[in-house]
């Protein structure tokens, strides 16, 4: 596993843990129309991306994690922010998602440049 893939794996793991924390926060806050199950689903998908990356399936793992990170960035403005914790957590999480997206693209580019061995 090269350096960018290793970093991507760690970032994806942080994203999965962040989704777990988000699911707990959403459940505790219990605002109208809140659905913590979506955060649990995203955590599972990020954990799947981590598993794929650890197994050497870099293209599949980086694509999954990159798509999820892009989705997080695009939907960030629509996240409900009711207090200082929500604002702080969401901003840090969006920055983490941006870094994850950068490393996902970097991992995919490095895979593209690597010669295929048969």
PDB file of N, CA and C in Angstrom:
ATOM      1  N   UNK A   1       0.850  -1.168   0.000  1.00  0.00           N
ATOM      2  CA  UNK A   1       0.000   0.000   0.000  1.00  0.00           C
ATOM      3  C   UNK A   1       0.898   1.235   0.000  1.00  0.00           C
ATOM      4  N   UNK A   2       0.678   2.115  -0.980  1.00  0.00           N
ATOM      5  CA  UNK A   2       1.523   3.306  -1.047  1.00  0.00           C
ATOM      6  C   UNK A   2       1.056   4.369  -0.049  1.00  0.00           C
ATOM      7  N   UNK A   3       1.800   5.438   0.007  1.00  0.00           N
ATOM      8  CA  UNK A   3       1.570   6.465   1.033  1.00  0.00           C
ATOM      9  C   UNK A   3       0.195   7.129   0.921  1.00  0.00           C
ATOM     10  N   UNK A   4      -0.226   7.498  -0.294  1.00  0.00           N
ATOM     11  CA  UNK A   4      -1.518   8.171  -0.445  1.00  0.00           C
ATOM     12  C   UNK A   4      -2.678   7.223  -0.135  1.00  0.00           C
ATOM     13  N   UNK A   5      -2.531   5.953  -0.470  1.00  0.00           N
ATOM     14  CA  UNK A   5      -3.574   4.975  -0.154  1.00  0.00           C
ATOM     15  C   UNK A   5      -3.646   4.750   1.347  1.00  0.00           C
ATOM     16  N   UNK A   6      -2.503   4.719   2.002  1.00  0.00           N
ATOM     17  CA  UNK A   6      -2.468   4.565   3.453  1.00  0.00           C
ATOM     18  C   UNK A   6      -3.146   5.751   4.143  1.00  0.00           C
ATOM     19  N   UNK A   7      -2.843   6.952   3.668  1.00  0.00           N
ATOM     20  CA  UNK A   7      -3.470   8.156   4.222  1.00  0.00           C
ATOM     21  C   UNK A   7      -4.970   8.144   3.955  1.00  0.00           C
ATOM     22  N   UNK A   8      -5.358   7.746   2.746  1.00  0.00           N
ATOM     23  CA  UNK A   8      -6.777   7.669   2.408  1.00  0.00           C
ATOM     24  C   UNK A   8      -7.501   6.680   3.316  1.00  0.00           C
ATOM     25  N   UNK A   9      -6.877   5.559   3.603  1.00  0.00           N
ATOM     26  CA  UNK A   9      -7.484   4.561   4.484  1.00  0.00           C
ATOM     27  C   UNK A   9      -7.728   5.147   5.867  1.00  0.00           C
ATOM     28  N   UNK A  10      -6.753   5.887   6.377  1.00  0.00           N
ATOM     29  CA  UNK A  10      -6.910   6.511   7.697  1.00  0.00           C
ATOM     30  C   UNK A  10      -7.998   7.580   7.681  1.00  0.00           C
ATOM     31  N   UNK A  11      -8.039   8.376   6.623  1.00  0.00           N
ATOM     32  CA  UNK A  11      -9.074   9.406   6.512  1.00  0.00           C
ATOM     33  C   UNK A  11     -10.464   8.778   6.403  1.00  0.00           C
ATOM     34  N   UNK A  12     -10.573   7.706   5.633  1.00  0.00           N
ATOM     35  CA  UNK A  12     -11.865   7.023   5.502  1.00  0.00           C
ATOM     36  C   UNK A  12     -12.315   6.451   6.839  1.00  0.00           C
ATOM     37  N   UNK A  13     -11.370   5.945   7.615  1.00  0.00           N
ATOM     38  CA  UNK A  13     -11.698   5.437   8.943  1.00  0.00           C
ATOM     39  C   UNK A  13     -12.189   6.572   9.843  1.00  0.00           C
ATOM     40  N   UNK A  14     -11.545   7.729   9.767  1.00  0.00           N
ATOM     41  CA  UNK A  14     -12.003   8.893  10.529  1.00  0.00           C
ATOM     42  C   UNK A  14     -13.395   9.335  10.090  1.00  0.00           C
ATOM     43  N   UNK A  15     -13.661   9.269   8.791  1.00  0.00           N
ATOM     44  CA  UNK A  15     -14.991   9.620   8.290  1.00  0.00           C
ATOM     45  C   UNK A  15     -16.044   8.655   8.832  1.00  0.00           C
ATOM     46  N   UNK A  16     -15.720   7.362   8.867  1.00  0.00           N
ATOM     47  CA  UNK A  16     -16.658   6.361   9.388  1.00  0.00           C
ATOM     48  C   UNK A  16     -16.930   6.605  10.868  1.00  0.00           C
ATOM     49  N   UNK A  17     -15.886   6.887  11.621  1.00  0.00           N
ATOM     50  CA  UNK A  17     -16.050   7.173  13.052  1.00  0.00           C
ATOM     51  C   UNK A  17     -16.867   8.455  13.239  1.00  0.00           C
ATOM     52  N   UNK A  18     -16.616   9.442  12.406  1.00  0.00           N
ATOM     53  CA  UNK A  18     -17.387  10.686  12.460  1.00  0.00           C
ATOM     54  C   UNK A  18     -18.863  10.453  12.199  1.00  0.00           C
ATOM     55  N   UNK A  19     -19.170   9.562  11.273  1.00  0.00           N
ATOM     56  CA  UNK A  19     -20.570   9.228  11.008  1.00  0.00           C
ATOM     57  C   UNK A  19     -21.205   8.534  12.212  1.00  0.00           C
ATOM     58  N   UNK A  20     -20.445   7.692  12.882  1.00  0.00           N
ATOM     59  CA  UNK A  20     -20.958   7.036  14.099  1.00  0.00           C
ATOM     60  C   UNK A  20     -21.255   8.076  15.179  1.00  0.00           C
ATOM     61  N   UNK A  21     -20.345   9.018  15.362  1.00  0.00           N
ATOM     62  CA  UNK A  21     -20.563  10.097  16.334  1.00  0.00           C
ATOM     63  C   UNK A  21     -21.781  10.923  15.925  1.00  0.00           C
ATOM     64  N   UNK A  22     -21.902  11.197  14.644  1.00  0.00           N
ATOM     65  CA  UNK A  22     -23.040  11.957  14.145  1.00  0.00           C
ATOM     66  C   UNK A  22     -24.354  11.229  14.400  1.00  0.00           C
ATOM     67  N   UNK A  23     -24.363   9.920  14.209  1.00  0.00           N
ATOM     68  CA  UNK A  23     -25.578   9.133  14.454  1.00  0.00           C
ATOM     69  C   UNK A  23     -26.005   9.238  15.915  1.00  0.00           C
ATOM     70  N   UNK A  24     -25.037   9.175  16.814  1.00  0.00           N
ATOM     71  CA  UNK A  24     -25.342   9.301  18.246  1.00  0.00           C
ATOM     72  C   UNK A  24     -25.869  10.704  18.550  1.00  0.00           C
ATOM     73  N   UNK A  25     -25.214  11.727  18.003  1.00  0.00           N
ATOM     74  CA  UNK A  25     -25.649  13.112  18.244  1.00  0.00           C
ATOM     75  C   UNK A  25     -27.057  13.348  17.693  1.00  0.00           C
ATOM     76  N   UNK A  26     -27.330  12.834  16.509  1.00  0.00           N
ATOM     77  CA  UNK A  26     -28.663  12.994  15.912  1.00  0.00           C
ATOM     78  C   UNK A  26     -29.716  12.305  16.772  1.00  0.00           C
ATOM     79  N   UNK A  27     -29.388  11.129  17.276  1.00  0.00           N
ATOM     80  CA  UNK A  27     -30.322  10.393  18.127  1.00  0.00           C
ATOM     81  C   UNK A  27     -30.593  11.144  19.424  1.00  0.00           C
ATOM     82  N   UNK A  28     -29.544  11.679  20.042  1.00  0.00           N
ATOM     83  CA  UNK A  28     -29.704  12.400  21.307  1.00  0.00           C
ATOM     84  C   UNK A  28     -30.485  13.698  21.103  1.00  0.00           C
ATOM     85  N   UNK A  29     -30.140  14.446  20.047  1.00  0.00           N
ATOM     86  CA  UNK A  29     -30.820  15.716  19.798  1.00  0.00           C
ATOM     87  C   UNK A  29     -32.283  15.512  19.435  1.00  0.00           C
ATOM     88  N   UNK A  30     -32.580  14.464  18.664  1.00  0.00           N
ATOM     89  CA  UNK A  30     -33.941  14.047  18.335  1.00  0.00           C
ATOM     90  C   UNK A  30     -34.798  15.189  17.782  1.00  0.00           C
ATOM     91  N   UNK A  31     -34.263  15.933  16.824  1.00  0.00           N
ATOM     92  CA  UNK A  31     -35.027  16.999  16.187  1.00  0.00           C
ATOM     93  C   UNK A  31     -36.014  16.409  15.188  1.00  0.00           C
ATOM     94  N   UNK A  32     -37.022  17.180  14.859  1.00  0.00           N
ATOM     95  CA  UNK A  32     -38.011  16.750  13.881  1.00  0.00           C
ATOM     96  C   UNK A  32     -37.328  16.461  12.547  1.00  0.00           C
ATOM     97  N   UNK A  33     -37.742  15.416  11.902  1.00  0.00           N
ATOM     98  CA  UNK A  33     -37.222  14.979  10.594  1.00  0.00           C
ATOM     99  C   UNK A  33     -35.765  14.517  10.637  1.00  0.00           C
ATOM    100  N   UNK A  34     -35.224  14.231  11.820  1.00  0.00           N
ATOM    101  CA  UNK A  34     -33.858  13.716  11.887  1.00  0.00           C
ATOM    102  C   UNK A  34     -33.888  12.202  11.700  1.00  0.00           C
ATOM    103  N   UNK A  35     -32.922  11.710  10.928  1.00  0.00           N
ATOM    104  CA  UNK A  35     -32.869  10.284  10.609  1.00  0.00           C
ATOM    105  C   UNK A  35     -31.453   9.782  10.871  1.00  0.00           C
ATOM    106  N   UNK A  36     -31.182   9.290  12.090  1.00  0.00           N
ATOM    107  CA  UNK A  36     -29.830   8.816  12.394  1.00  0.00           C
ATOM    108  C   UNK A  36     -29.435   7.574  11.598  1.00  0.00           C
ATOM    109  N   UNK A  37     -30.418   6.877  11.056  1.00  0.00           N
ATOM    110  CA  UNK A  37     -30.115   5.673  10.272  1.00  0.00           C
ATOM    111  C   UNK A  37     -29.274   5.998   9.036  1.00  0.00           C
ATOM    112  N   UNK A  38     -29.444   7.196   8.482  1.00  0.00           N
ATOM    113  CA  UNK A  38     -28.627   7.584   7.327  1.00  0.00           C
ATOM    114  C   UNK A  38     -27.152   7.699   7.714  1.00  0.00           C
ATOM    115  N   UNK A  39     -26.891   8.243   8.897  1.00  0.00           N
ATOM    116  CA  UNK A  39     -25.509   8.341   9.371  1.00  0.00           C
ATOM    117  C   UNK A  39     -24.924   6.946   9.593  1.00  0.00           C
ATOM    118  N   UNK A  40     -25.732   6.031  10.105  1.00  0.00           N
ATOM    119  CA  UNK A  40     -25.268   4.651  10.306  1.00  0.00           C
ATOM    120  C   UNK A  40     -24.963   3.999   8.955  1.00  0.00           C
ATOM    121  N   UNK A  41     -25.827   4.233   7.974  1.00  0.00           N
ATOM    122  CA  UNK A  41     -25.594   3.694   6.626  1.00  0.00           C
ATOM    123  C   UNK A  41     -24.298   4.240   6.037  1.00  0.00           C
ATOM    124  N   UNK A  42     -24.078   5.544   6.179  1.00  0.00           N
ATOM    125  CA  UNK A  42     -22.847   6.138   5.651  1.00  0.00           C
ATOM    126  C   UNK A  42     -21.619   5.607   6.392  1.00  0.00           C
ATOM    127  N   UNK A  43     -21.751   5.401   7.698  1.00  0.00           N
ATOM    128  CA  UNK A  43     -20.635   4.810   8.448  1.00  0.00           C
ATOM    129  C   UNK A  43     -20.303   3.424   7.896  1.00  0.00           C
ATOM    130  N   UNK A  44     -21.329   2.635   7.642  1.00  0.00           N
ATOM    131  CA  UNK A  44     -21.114   1.293   7.092  1.00  0.00           C
ATOM    132  C   UNK A  44     -20.442   1.366   5.718  1.00  0.00           C
ATOM    133  N   UNK A  45     -20.862   2.329   4.903  1.00  0.00           N
ATOM    134  CA  UNK A  45     -20.248   2.477   3.580  1.00  0.00           C
ATOM    135  C   UNK A  45     -18.793   2.926   3.680  1.00  0.00           C
ATOM    136  N   UNK A  46     -18.511   3.848   4.606  1.00  0.00           N
ATOM    137  CA  UNK A  46     -17.117   4.253   4.802  1.00  0.00           C
ATOM    138  C   UNK A  46     -16.275   3.086   5.324  1.00  0.00           C
ATOM    139  N   UNK A  47     -16.820   2.297   6.254  1.00  0.00           N
ATOM    140  CA  UNK A  47     -16.099   1.117   6.742  1.00  0.00           C
ATOM    141  C   UNK A  47     -15.866   0.119   5.602  1.00  0.00           C
ATOM    142  N   UNK A  48     -16.822   0.012   4.686  1.00  0.00           N
ATOM    143  CA  UNK A  48     -16.638  -0.847   3.513  1.00  0.00           C
ATOM    144  C   UNK A  48     -15.489  -0.327   2.653  1.00  0.00           C
ATOM    145  N   UNK A  49     -15.422   0.979   2.479  1.00  0.00           N
ATOM    146  CA  UNK A  49     -14.309   1.578   1.733  1.00  0.00           C
ATOM    147  C   UNK A  49     -12.973   1.305   2.394  1.00  0.00           C
ATOM    148  N   UNK A  50     -12.930   1.392   3.725  1.00  0.00           N
ATOM    149  CA  UNK A  50     -11.702   1.077   4.463  1.00  0.00           C
ATOM    150  C   UNK A  50     -11.309  -0.372   4.214  1.00  0.00           C
ATOM    151  N   UNK A  51     -12.276  -1.265   4.293  1.00  0.00           N
ATOM    152  CA  UNK A  51     -12.017  -2.693   4.081  1.00  0.00           C
ATOM    153  C   UNK A  51     -11.478  -2.941   2.668  1.00  0.00           C
ATOM    154  N   UNK A  52     -12.094  -2.305   1.670  1.00  0.00           N
ATOM    155  CA  UNK A  52     -11.621  -2.472   0.291  1.00  0.00           C
ATOM    156  C   UNK A  52     -10.192  -1.973   0.136  1.00  0.00           C
ATOM    157  N   UNK A  53      -9.893  -0.821   0.725  1.00  0.00           N
ATOM    158  CA  UNK A  53      -8.542  -0.280   0.636  1.00  0.00           C
ATOM    159  C   UNK A  53      -7.537  -1.188   1.326  1.00  0.00           C
ATOM    160  N   UNK A  54      -7.889  -1.723   2.483  1.00  0.00           N
ATOM    161  CA  UNK A  54      -6.982  -2.618   3.217  1.00  0.00           C
ATOM    162  C   UNK A  54      -6.737  -3.925   2.448  1.00  0.00           C
ATOM    163  N   UNK A  55      -7.739  -4.358   1.669  1.00  0.00           N
ATOM    164  CA  UNK A  55      -7.608  -5.589   0.879  1.00  0.00           C
ATOM    165  C   UNK A  55      -6.877  -5.366  -0.438  1.00  0.00           C
ATOM    166  N   UNK A  56      -6.480  -4.120  -0.712  1.00  0.00           N
ATOM    167  CA  UNK A  56      -5.752  -3.836  -1.944  1.00  0.00           C
ATOM    168  C   UNK A  56      -6.641  -3.491  -3.122  1.00  0.00           C
ATOM    169  N   UNK A  57      -7.924  -3.385  -2.919  1.00  0.00           N
ATOM    170  CA  UNK A  57      -8.865  -3.006  -3.980  1.00  0.00           C
ATOM    171  C   UNK A  57      -8.949  -1.484  -4.022  1.00  0.00           C
ATOM    172  N   UNK A  58      -7.853  -0.876  -4.439  1.00  0.00           N
ATOM    173  CA  UNK A  58      -7.684   0.572  -4.347  1.00  0.00           C
ATOM    174  C   UNK A  58      -8.684   1.326  -5.216  1.00  0.00           C
ATOM    175  N   UNK A  59      -8.900   0.888  -6.428  1.00  0.00           N
ATOM    176  CA  UNK A  59      -9.815   1.605  -7.318  1.00  0.00           C
ATOM    177  C   UNK A  59     -11.233   1.578  -6.749  1.00  0.00           C
ATOM    178  N   UNK A  60     -11.696   0.420  -6.328  1.00  0.00           N
ATOM    179  CA  UNK A  60     -13.051   0.324  -5.766  1.00  0.00           C
ATOM    180  C   UNK A  60     -13.157   1.102  -4.460  1.00  0.00           C
ATOM    181  N   UNK A  61     -12.185   0.940  -3.575  1.00  0.00           N
ATOM    182  CA  UNK A  61     -12.216   1.617  -2.285  1.00  0.00           C
ATOM    183  C   UNK A  61     -12.117   3.130  -2.416  1.00  0.00           C
ATOM    184  N   UNK A  62     -11.173   3.585  -3.231  1.00  0.00           N
ATOM    185  CA  UNK A  62     -10.997   5.027  -3.416  1.00  0.00           C
ATOM    186  C   UNK A  62     -12.205   5.642  -4.116  1.00  0.00           C
ATOM    187  N   UNK A  63     -12.790   4.923  -5.048  1.00  0.00           N
ATOM    188  CA  UNK A  63     -13.983   5.429  -5.730  1.00  0.00           C
ATOM    189  C   UNK A  63     -15.150   5.559  -4.759  1.00  0.00           C
ATOM    190  N   UNK A  64     -15.374   4.534  -3.950  1.00  0.00           N
ATOM    191  CA  UNK A  64     -16.461   4.574  -2.976  1.00  0.00           C
ATOM    192  C   UNK A  64     -16.252   5.695  -1.960  1.00  0.00           C
ATOM    193  N   UNK A  65     -15.075   5.743  -1.378  1.00  0.00           N
ATOM    194  CA  UNK A  65     -14.785   6.750  -0.356  1.00  0.00           C
ATOM    195  C   UNK A  65     -14.815   8.155  -0.965  1.00  0.00           C
ATOM    196  N   UNK A  66     -14.278   8.305  -2.158  1.00  0.00           N
ATOM    197  CA  UNK A  66     -14.295   9.603  -2.824  1.00  0.00           C
ATOM    198  C   UNK A  66     -15.704  10.077  -3.134  1.00  0.00           C
ATOM    199  N   UNK A  67     -16.553   9.183  -3.611  1.00  0.00           N
ATOM    200  CA  UNK A  67     -17.937   9.542  -3.898  1.00  0.00           C
ATOM    201  C   UNK A  67     -18.666   9.954  -2.621  1.00  0.00           C
ATOM    202  N   UNK A  68     -18.474   9.186  -1.552  1.00  0.00           N
ATOM    203  CA  UNK A  68     -19.117   9.511  -0.275  1.00  0.00           C
ATOM    204  C   UNK A  68     -18.629  10.863   0.262  1.00  0.00           C
ATOM    205  N   UNK A  69     -17.326  11.115   0.159  1.00  0.00           N
ATOM    206  CA  UNK A  69     -16.774  12.388   0.622  1.00  0.00           C
ATOM    207  C   UNK A  69     -17.328  13.549  -0.207  1.00  0.00           C
ATOM    208  N   UNK A  70     -17.429  13.360  -1.515  1.00  0.00           N
ATOM    209  CA  UNK A  70     -18.003  14.390  -2.379  1.00  0.00           C
ATOM    210  C   UNK A  70     -19.453  14.667  -1.994  1.00  0.00           C
ATOM    211  N   UNK A  71     -20.207  13.615  -1.715  1.00  0.00           N
ATOM    212  CA  UNK A  71     -21.598  13.777  -1.285  1.00  0.00           C
ATOM    213  C   UNK A  71     -21.668  14.587   0.013  1.00  0.00           C
ATOM    214  N   UNK A  72     -20.765  14.295   0.946  1.00  0.00           N
ATOM    215  CA  UNK A  72     -20.737  15.025   2.214  1.00  0.00           C
ATOM    216  C   UNK A  72     -20.454  16.511   1.975  1.00  0.00           C
ATOM    217  N   UNK A  73     -19.534  16.814   1.087  1.00  0.00           N
ATOM    218  CA  UNK A  73     -19.179  18.210   0.796  1.00  0.00           C
ATOM    219  C   UNK A  73     -20.354  18.939   0.150  1.00  0.00           C
ATOM    220  N   UNK A  74     -20.992  18.300  -0.806  1.00  0.00           N
ATOM    221  CA  UNK A  74     -22.096  18.933  -1.534  1.00  0.00           C
ATOM    222  C   UNK A  74     -23.295  19.178  -0.615  1.00  0.00           C
ATOM    223  N   UNK A  75     -23.561  18.248   0.298  1.00  0.00           N
ATOM    224  CA  UNK A  75     -24.734  18.391   1.167  1.00  0.00           C
ATOM    225  C   UNK A  75     -24.453  19.192   2.438  1.00  0.00           C
ATOM    226  N   UNK A  76     -23.200  19.544   2.685  1.00  0.00           N
ATOM    227  CA  UNK A  76     -22.845  20.276   3.906  1.00  0.00           C
ATOM    228  C   UNK A  76     -23.718  21.501   4.170  1.00  0.00           C
ATOM    229  N   UNK A  77     -24.006  22.357   3.176  1.00  0.00           N
ATOM    230  CA  UNK A  77     -24.823  23.544   3.466  1.00  0.00           C
ATOM    231  C   UNK A  77     -26.241  23.210   3.962  1.00  0.00           C
ATOM    232  N   UNK A  78     -26.745  22.041   3.644  1.00  0.00           N
ATOM    233  CA  UNK A  78     -28.114  21.698   4.038  1.00  0.00           C
ATOM    234  C   UNK A  78     -28.199  20.992   5.397  1.00  0.00           C
ATOM    235  N   UNK A  79     -27.064  20.684   6.015  1.00  0.00           N
ATOM    236  CA  UNK A  79     -27.100  20.009   7.319  1.00  0.00           C
ATOM    237  C   UNK A  79     -27.699  20.944   8.362  1.00  0.00           C
ATOM    238  N   UNK A  80     -28.566  20.391   9.221  1.00  0.00           N
ATOM    239  CA  UNK A  80     -29.168  21.196  10.282  1.00  0.00           C
ATOM    240  C   UNK A  80     -28.119  21.480  11.352  1.00  0.00           C
ATOM    241  N   UNK A  81     -28.003  22.749  11.684  1.00  0.00           N
ATOM    242  CA  UNK A  81     -27.046  23.175  12.703  1.00  0.00           C
ATOM    243  C   UNK A  81     -27.819  23.958  13.758  1.00  0.00           C
ATOM    244  N   UNK A  82     -28.012  23.354  14.926  1.00  0.00           N
ATOM    245  CA  UNK A  82     -28.849  23.954  15.960  1.00  0.00           C
ATOM    246  C   UNK A  82     -28.053  24.594  17.091  1.00  0.00           C
ATOM    247  N   UNK A  83     -26.793  24.234  17.233  1.00  0.00           N
ATOM    248  CA  UNK A  83     -26.012  24.769  18.355  1.00  0.00           C
ATOM    249  C   UNK A  83     -24.531  24.802  17.967  1.00  0.00           C
ATOM    250  N   UNK A  84     -23.705  25.238  18.904  1.00  0.00           N
ATOM    251  CA  UNK A  84     -22.271  25.384  18.630  1.00  0.00           C
ATOM    252  C   UNK A  84     -21.615  24.041  18.323  1.00  0.00           C
ATOM    253  N   UNK A  85     -22.046  22.974  19.018  1.00  0.00           N
ATOM    254  CA  UNK A  85     -21.477  21.654  18.739  1.00  0.00           C
ATOM    255  C   UNK A  85     -21.741  21.259  17.290  1.00  0.00           C
ATOM    256  N   UNK A  86     -22.981  21.459  16.833  1.00  0.00           N
ATOM    257  CA  UNK A  86     -23.316  21.114  15.449  1.00  0.00           C
ATOM    258  C   UNK A  86     -22.442  21.886  14.463  1.00  0.00           C
ATOM    259  N   UNK A  87     -22.297  23.181  14.679  1.00  0.00           N
ATOM    260  CA  UNK A  87     -21.478  24.002  13.784  1.00  0.00           C
ATOM    261  C   UNK A  87     -20.028  23.535  13.788  1.00  0.00           C
ATOM    262  N   UNK A  88     -19.468  23.377  14.967  1.00  0.00           N
ATOM    263  CA  UNK A  88     -18.068  22.969  15.060  1.00  0.00           C
ATOM    264  C   UNK A  88     -17.821  21.602  14.452  1.00  0.00           C
ATOM    265  N   UNK A  89     -18.650  20.636  14.816  1.00  0.00           N
ATOM    266  CA  UNK A  89     -18.482  19.275  14.311  1.00  0.00           C
ATOM    267  C   UNK A  89     -18.662  19.231  12.797  1.00  0.00           C
ATOM    268  N   UNK A  90     -19.704  19.904  12.300  1.00  0.00           N
ATOM    269  CA  UNK A  90     -19.985  19.860  10.869  1.00  0.00           C
ATOM    270  C   UNK A  90     -18.890  20.516  10.033  1.00  0.00           C
ATOM    271  N   UNK A  91     -18.350  21.624  10.506  1.00  0.00           N
ATOM    272  CA  UNK A  91     -17.277  22.296   9.759  1.00  0.00           C
ATOM    273  C   UNK A  91     -16.022  21.424   9.727  1.00  0.00           C
ATOM    274  N   UNK A  92     -15.650  20.865  10.868  1.00  0.00           N
ATOM    275  CA  UNK A  92     -14.474  19.982  10.919  1.00  0.00           C
ATOM    276  C   UNK A  92     -14.701  18.766  10.028  1.00  0.00           C
ATOM    277  N   UNK A  93     -15.909  18.215  10.072  1.00  0.00           N
ATOM    278  CA  UNK A  93     -16.220  17.030   9.265  1.00  0.00           C
ATOM    279  C   UNK A  93     -16.182  17.352   7.770  1.00  0.00           C
ATOM    280  N   UNK A  94     -16.658  18.536   7.379  1.00  0.00           N
ATOM    281  CA  UNK A  94     -16.621  18.931   5.968  1.00  0.00           C
ATOM    282  C   UNK A  94     -15.180  19.122   5.487  1.00  0.00           C
ATOM    283  N   UNK A  95     -14.338  19.694   6.326  1.00  0.00           N
ATOM    284  CA  UNK A  95     -12.915  19.849   5.972  1.00  0.00           C
ATOM    285  C   UNK A  95     -12.261  18.469   5.840  1.00  0.00           C
ATOM    286  N   UNK A  96     -12.598  17.560   6.753  1.00  0.00           N
ATOM    287  CA  UNK A  96     -12.091  16.187   6.679  1.00  0.00           C
ATOM    288  C   UNK A  96     -12.572  15.509   5.400  1.00  0.00           C
ATOM    289  N   UNK A  97     -13.808  15.760   5.017  1.00  0.00           N
ATOM    290  CA  UNK A  97     -14.343  15.192   3.773  1.00  0.00           C
ATOM    291  C   UNK A  97     -13.593  15.741   2.561  1.00  0.00           C
ATOM    292  N   UNK A  98     -13.246  17.025   2.591  1.00  0.00           N
ATOM    293  CA  UNK A  98     -12.487  17.610   1.480  1.00  0.00           C
ATOM    294  C   UNK A  98     -11.100  16.973   1.365  1.00  0.00           C
ATOM    295  N   UNK A  99     -10.446  16.764   2.497  1.00  0.00           N
ATOM    296  CA  UNK A  99      -9.134  16.100   2.481  1.00  0.00           C
ATOM    297  C   UNK A  99      -9.271  14.665   1.979  1.00  0.00           C
ATOM    298  N   UNK A 100     -10.330  13.998   2.395  1.00  0.00           N
ATOM    299  CA  UNK A 100     -10.570  12.619   1.948  1.00  0.00           C
ATOM    300  C   UNK A 100     -10.761  12.575   0.441  1.00  0.00           C
ATOM    301  N   UNK A 101     -11.522  13.522  -0.093  1.00  0.00           N
ATOM    302  CA  UNK A 101     -11.736  13.577  -1.542  1.00  0.00           C
ATOM    303  C   UNK A 101     -10.419  13.797  -2.282  1.00  0.00           C
ATOM    304  N   UNK A 102      -9.583  14.690  -1.777  1.00  0.00           N
ATOM    305  CA  UNK A 102      -8.288  14.955  -2.417  1.00  0.00           C
ATOM    306  C   UNK A 102      -7.442  13.679  -2.452  1.00  0.00           C
ATOM    307  N   UNK A 103      -7.381  12.968  -1.335  1.00  0.00           N
ATOM    308  CA  UNK A 103      -6.563  11.755  -1.294  1.00  0.00           C
ATOM    309  C   UNK A 103      -7.186  10.611  -2.091  1.00  0.00           C
ATOM    310  N   UNK A 104      -8.512  10.596  -2.219  1.00  0.00           N
ATOM    311  CA  UNK A 104      -9.153   9.577  -3.065  1.00  0.00           C
ATOM    312  C   UNK A 104      -8.774   9.793  -4.526  1.00  0.00           C
ATOM    313  N   UNK A 105      -8.824  11.043  -4.965  1.00  0.00           N
ATOM    314  CA  UNK A 105      -8.421  11.356  -6.343  1.00  0.00           C
ATOM    315  C   UNK A 105      -6.947  11.047  -6.538  1.00  0.00           C
ATOM    316  N   UNK A 106      -6.141  11.399  -5.562  1.00  0.00           N
ATOM    317  CA  UNK A 106      -4.694  11.127  -5.641  1.00  0.00           C
ATOM    318  C   UNK A 106      -4.412   9.627  -5.742  1.00  0.00           C
ATOM    319  N   UNK A 107      -5.133   8.828  -4.950  1.00  0.00           N
ATOM    320  CA  UNK A 107      -4.949   7.376  -4.990  1.00  0.00           C
ATOM    321  C   UNK A 107      -5.374   6.821  -6.346  1.00  0.00           C
ATOM    322  N   UNK A 108      -6.467   7.336  -6.894  1.00  0.00           N
ATOM    323  CA  UNK A 108      -6.925   6.869  -8.204  1.00  0.00           C
ATOM    324  C   UNK A 108      -5.945   7.244  -9.304  1.00  0.00           C
ATOM    325  N   UNK A 109      -5.397   8.460  -9.231  1.00  0.00           N
ATOM    326  CA  UNK A 109      -4.411   8.894 -10.233  1.00  0.00           C
ATOM    327  C   UNK A 109      -3.152   8.044 -10.133  1.00  0.00           C
ATOM    328  N   UNK A 110      -2.699   7.754  -8.918  1.00  0.00           N
ATOM    329  CA  UNK A 110      -1.489   6.940  -8.775  1.00  0.00           C
ATOM    330  C   UNK A 110      -1.723   5.517  -9.271  1.00  0.00           C
ATOM    331  N   UNK A 111      -2.932   5.003  -9.144  1.00  0.00           N
ATOM    332  CA  UNK A 111      -3.249   3.676  -9.684  1.00  0.00           C
ATOM    333  C   UNK A 111      -3.247   3.713 -11.205  1.00  0.00           C
ATOM    334  N   UNK A 112      -3.707   4.805 -11.769  1.00  0.00           N
ATOM    335  CA  UNK A 112      -3.754   4.948 -13.228  1.00  0.00           C
ATOM    336  C   UNK A 112      -2.355   4.987 -13.809  1.00  0.00           C
ATOM    337  N   UNK A 113      -1.426   5.600 -13.100  1.00  0.00           N
ATOM    338  CA  UNK A 113      -0.041   5.734 -13.579  1.00  0.00           C
ATOM    339  C   UNK A 113       0.757   4.458 -13.413  1.00  0.00           C
ATOM    340  N   UNK A 114       0.347   3.605 -12.477  1.00  0.00           N
ATOM    341  CA  UNK A 114       1.081   2.377 -12.185  1.00  0.00           C
ATOM    342  C   UNK A 114       0.900   1.384 -13.338  1.00  0.00           C
ATOM    343  N   UNK A 115       1.994   0.812 -13.850  1.00  0.00           N
ATOM    344  CA  UNK A 115       1.867  -0.174 -14.906  1.00  0.00           C
ATOM    345  C   UNK A 115       1.194  -1.443 -14.383  1.00  0.00           C
ATOM    346  N   UNK A 116       0.369  -2.032 -15.196  1.00  0.00           N
ATOM    347  CA  UNK A 116      -0.354  -3.240 -14.821  1.00  0.00           C
ATOM    348  C   UNK A 116       0.580  -4.435 -14.962  1.00  0.00           C
ATOM    349  N   UNK A 117       0.676  -5.220 -13.901  1.00  0.00           N
ATOM    350  CA  UNK A 117       1.502  -6.432 -13.974  1.00  0.00           C
ATOM    351  C   UNK A 117       0.596  -7.643 -14.138  1.00  0.00           C
ATOM    352  N   UNK A 118       0.973  -8.492 -15.058  1.00  0.00           N
ATOM    353  CA  UNK A 118       0.146  -9.660 -15.367  1.00  0.00           C
ATOM    354  C   UNK A 118       0.733 -10.899 -14.777  1.00  0.00           C
TER     355      UNK A 118
END
